[in-house]
Amino acid sequence: MPQISLYIDEETLEKLKAAASRERISISKWVAHRIRSQVEPEYPAYYDELFGSIDDETFTEPEKINVSLDSFRESM
């Protein structure tokens, strides 16, 4: 597996160690997870269960838009 090196100050390193310790994982796994979450964002747990969960009559489906009224777009 490829490796990377990070140059950080002592204060930041101590915070990083504490954060990894709280999650009971290695510093390397903690950093890898944070990097992965930035390049491949994840949805929060149970995000998909939120669909349809709002019970409010003001939330309605918008009217259909007539696409013939759309601006002309040049073919590429």
N, C-alpha and C. Protein backbone atom coordinates (compact mmCIF):
# COMPACT_ATOMS: atom_id res chain seq x y z
N MET A 1 0.85 -1.18 0.00
CA MET A 1 0.00 0.00 0.00
C MET A 1 0.90 1.24 0.00
N PRO A 2 0.58 2.23 -0.83
CA PRO A 2 1.38 3.45 -0.87
C PRO A 2 1.37 4.19 0.47
N GLN A 3 2.41 4.94 0.71
CA GLN A 3 2.53 5.73 1.93
C GLN A 3 2.70 7.19 1.59
N ILE A 4 2.28 8.06 2.51
CA ILE A 4 2.51 9.49 2.36
C ILE A 4 3.15 10.00 3.65
N SER A 5 3.82 11.13 3.56
CA SER A 5 4.39 11.77 4.73
C SER A 5 3.71 13.11 4.94
N LEU A 6 3.45 13.44 6.18
CA LEU A 6 2.84 14.72 6.52
C LEU A 6 3.78 15.49 7.44
N TYR A 7 3.87 16.76 7.21
CA TYR A 7 4.65 17.62 8.08
C TYR A 7 3.68 18.55 8.79
N ILE A 8 3.50 18.34 10.09
CA ILE A 8 2.58 19.15 10.88
C ILE A 8 3.25 19.56 12.17
N ASP A 9 2.74 20.61 12.77
CA ASP A 9 3.32 21.09 14.02
C ASP A 9 2.91 20.18 15.18
N GLU A 10 3.61 20.30 16.29
CA GLU A 10 3.38 19.44 17.46
C GLU A 10 1.96 19.57 18.01
N GLU A 11 1.43 20.77 18.05
CA GLU A 11 0.08 21.00 18.59
C GLU A 11 -0.96 20.24 17.75
N THR A 12 -0.83 20.32 16.44
CA THR A 12 -1.75 19.61 15.55
C THR A 12 -1.59 18.11 15.69
N LEU A 13 -0.37 17.64 15.83
CA LEU A 13 -0.12 16.21 16.01
C LEU A 13 -0.80 15.70 17.28
N GLU A 14 -0.71 16.45 18.35
CA GLU A 14 -1.35 16.04 19.61
C GLU A 14 -2.87 15.97 19.45
N LYS A 15 -3.44 16.91 18.73
CA LYS A 15 -4.88 16.88 18.47
C LYS A 15 -5.25 15.68 17.62
N LEU A 16 -4.42 15.38 16.63
CA LEU A 16 -4.65 14.24 15.76
C LEU A 16 -4.59 12.94 16.55
N LYS A 17 -3.60 12.82 17.42
CA LYS A 17 -3.47 11.62 18.26
C LYS A 17 -4.70 11.45 19.15
N ALA A 18 -5.17 12.55 19.71
CA ALA A 18 -6.34 12.49 20.59
C ALA A 18 -7.59 12.08 19.82
N ALA A 19 -7.76 12.62 18.63
CA ALA A 19 -8.93 12.29 17.81
C ALA A 19 -8.91 10.82 17.42
N ALA A 20 -7.77 10.32 17.01
CA ALA A 20 -7.65 8.90 16.64
C ALA A 20 -7.87 8.01 17.86
N SER A 21 -7.36 8.43 18.99
CA SER A 21 -7.53 7.67 20.22
C SER A 21 -9.01 7.58 20.63
N ARG A 22 -9.74 8.70 20.49
CA ARG A 22 -11.16 8.70 20.83
C ARG A 22 -11.94 7.70 19.98
N GLU A 23 -11.52 7.53 18.72
CA GLU A 23 -12.20 6.60 17.82
C GLU A 23 -11.59 5.20 17.89
N ARG A 24 -10.56 5.07 18.71
CA ARG A 24 -9.87 3.79 18.91
C ARG A 24 -9.33 3.20 17.61
N ILE A 25 -8.73 4.07 16.80
CA ILE A 25 -8.10 3.64 15.56
C ILE A 25 -6.72 4.28 15.47
N SER A 26 -5.91 3.78 14.56
CA SER A 26 -4.57 4.34 14.40
C SER A 26 -4.65 5.72 13.76
N ILE A 27 -3.58 6.47 13.93
CA ILE A 27 -3.49 7.79 13.30
C ILE A 27 -3.59 7.64 11.78
N SER A 28 -2.93 6.63 11.25
CA SER A 28 -2.95 6.40 9.82
C SER A 28 -4.37 6.15 9.31
N LYS A 29 -5.13 5.30 10.00
CA LYS A 29 -6.51 5.04 9.60
C LYS A 29 -7.37 6.29 9.75
N TRP A 30 -7.13 7.05 10.81
CA TRP A 30 -7.91 8.27 11.04
C TRP A 30 -7.70 9.26 9.89
N VAL A 31 -6.46 9.47 9.52
CA VAL A 31 -6.13 10.39 8.43
C VAL A 31 -6.68 9.87 7.09
N ALA A 32 -6.51 8.56 6.84
CA ALA A 32 -7.01 7.98 5.58
C ALA A 32 -8.52 8.15 5.47
N HIS A 33 -9.24 7.94 6.57
CA HIS A 33 -10.69 8.11 6.56
C HIS A 33 -11.07 9.55 6.24
N ARG A 34 -10.37 10.51 6.84
CA ARG A 34 -10.67 11.93 6.58
C ARG A 34 -10.37 12.30 5.13
N ILE A 35 -9.29 11.80 4.59
CA ILE A 35 -8.96 12.07 3.19
C ILE A 35 -10.03 11.46 2.29
N ARG A 36 -10.38 10.20 2.56
CA ARG A 36 -11.39 9.51 1.75
C ARG A 36 -12.73 10.26 1.78
N SER A 37 -13.09 10.80 2.93
CA SER A 37 -14.38 11.50 3.04
C SER A 37 -14.38 12.79 2.23
N GLN A 38 -13.21 13.34 1.93
CA GLN A 38 -13.13 14.55 1.12
C GLN A 38 -13.15 14.26 -0.37
N VAL A 39 -12.55 13.15 -0.77
CA VAL A 39 -12.50 12.82 -2.18
C VAL A 39 -13.66 11.95 -2.62
N GLU A 40 -14.31 11.26 -1.68
CA GLU A 40 -15.49 10.45 -1.94
C GLU A 40 -16.49 10.72 -0.82
N PRO A 41 -17.18 11.86 -0.89
CA PRO A 41 -18.10 12.19 0.21
C PRO A 41 -19.13 11.10 0.46
N GLU A 42 -19.41 10.86 1.73
CA GLU A 42 -20.41 9.87 2.13
C GLU A 42 -21.63 10.59 2.67
N TYR A 43 -22.79 9.98 2.48
CA TYR A 43 -24.00 10.52 3.08
C TYR A 43 -24.05 10.08 4.54
N PRO A 44 -24.66 10.88 5.40
CA PRO A 44 -24.78 10.48 6.81
C PRO A 44 -25.59 9.19 6.93
N ALA A 45 -25.40 8.50 8.05
CA ALA A 45 -26.15 7.27 8.30
C ALA A 45 -27.65 7.56 8.23
N TYR A 46 -28.38 6.66 7.64
CA TYR A 46 -29.85 6.72 7.50
C TYR A 46 -30.33 7.87 6.61
N TYR A 47 -29.45 8.46 5.83
CA TYR A 47 -29.83 9.55 4.93
C TYR A 47 -30.97 9.13 4.00
N ASP A 48 -30.86 7.92 3.46
CA ASP A 48 -31.87 7.47 2.50
C ASP A 48 -33.25 7.29 3.13
N GLU A 49 -33.32 7.17 4.44
CA GLU A 49 -34.61 7.01 5.11
C GLU A 49 -35.35 8.34 5.27
N LEU A 50 -34.68 9.45 4.97
CA LEU A 50 -35.32 10.76 5.10
C LEU A 50 -36.30 11.05 3.97
N PHE A 51 -36.15 10.35 2.83
CA PHE A 51 -37.03 10.60 1.69
C PHE A 51 -38.49 10.37 2.09
N GLY A 52 -39.30 11.40 1.88
CA GLY A 52 -40.72 11.30 2.20
C GLY A 52 -41.05 11.45 3.66
N SER A 53 -40.08 11.84 4.47
CA SER A 53 -40.32 11.91 5.92
C SER A 53 -40.95 13.23 6.37
N ILE A 54 -41.04 14.22 5.49
CA ILE A 54 -41.64 15.50 5.86
C ILE A 54 -43.14 15.43 5.61
N ASP A 55 -43.90 15.64 6.66
CA ASP A 55 -45.35 15.61 6.56
C ASP A 55 -45.86 17.05 6.62
N ASP A 56 -45.86 17.71 5.46
CA ASP A 56 -46.23 19.12 5.40
C ASP A 56 -46.90 19.38 4.06
N GLU A 57 -48.14 19.81 4.07
CA GLU A 57 -48.89 20.00 2.83
C GLU A 57 -48.34 21.12 1.95
N THR A 58 -47.43 21.97 2.48
CA THR A 58 -46.86 23.03 1.66
C THR A 58 -45.78 22.50 0.72
N PHE A 59 -45.28 21.29 0.99
CA PHE A 59 -44.29 20.68 0.10
C PHE A 59 -45.05 19.94 -0.99
N THR A 60 -45.06 20.51 -2.17
CA THR A 60 -45.79 19.91 -3.29
C THR A 60 -44.88 19.74 -4.48
N GLU A 61 -45.29 18.88 -5.38
CA GLU A 61 -44.54 18.67 -6.61
C GLU A 61 -44.75 19.88 -7.52
N PRO A 62 -43.66 20.44 -8.06
CA PRO A 62 -43.80 21.62 -8.93
C PRO A 62 -44.51 21.25 -10.23
N GLU A 63 -45.06 22.25 -10.89
CA GLU A 63 -45.71 22.04 -12.18
C GLU A 63 -44.68 21.60 -13.20
N LYS A 64 -45.12 20.84 -14.19
CA LYS A 64 -44.23 20.40 -15.27
C LYS A 64 -43.83 21.62 -16.10
N ILE A 65 -42.59 21.66 -16.49
CA ILE A 65 -42.07 22.76 -17.29
C ILE A 65 -42.14 22.38 -18.76
N ASN A 66 -42.61 23.30 -19.58
CA ASN A 66 -42.68 23.07 -21.02
C ASN A 66 -41.28 23.27 -21.59
N VAL A 67 -40.62 22.18 -21.97
CA VAL A 67 -39.24 22.28 -22.46
C VAL A 67 -39.13 23.02 -23.79
N SER A 68 -40.24 23.17 -24.50
CA SER A 68 -40.17 23.90 -25.78
C SER A 68 -39.91 25.39 -25.54
N LEU A 69 -40.12 25.86 -24.29
CA LEU A 69 -39.86 27.26 -23.96
C LEU A 69 -38.41 27.49 -23.54
N ASP A 70 -37.65 26.42 -23.49
CA ASP A 70 -36.25 26.52 -23.08
C ASP A 70 -35.43 27.24 -24.15
N SER A 71 -34.31 27.81 -23.76
CA SER A 71 -33.42 28.49 -24.70
C SER A 71 -32.78 27.48 -25.65
N PHE A 72 -32.48 27.94 -26.85
CA PHE A 72 -31.79 27.09 -27.82
C PHE A 72 -30.39 26.82 -27.33
N ARG A 73 -29.96 25.58 -27.47
CA ARG A 73 -28.61 25.22 -27.08
C ARG A 73 -27.90 24.62 -28.27
N GLU A 74 -26.71 25.11 -28.48
CA GLU A 74 -25.90 24.63 -29.61
C GLU A 74 -25.45 23.20 -29.35
N SER A 75 -25.52 22.35 -30.36
CA SER A 75 -25.03 20.97 -30.24
C SER A 75 -23.52 20.98 -30.17
N MET A 76 -22.99 20.05 -29.42
CA MET A 76 -21.54 19.99 -29.28
C MET A 76 -21.00 18.82 -30.02
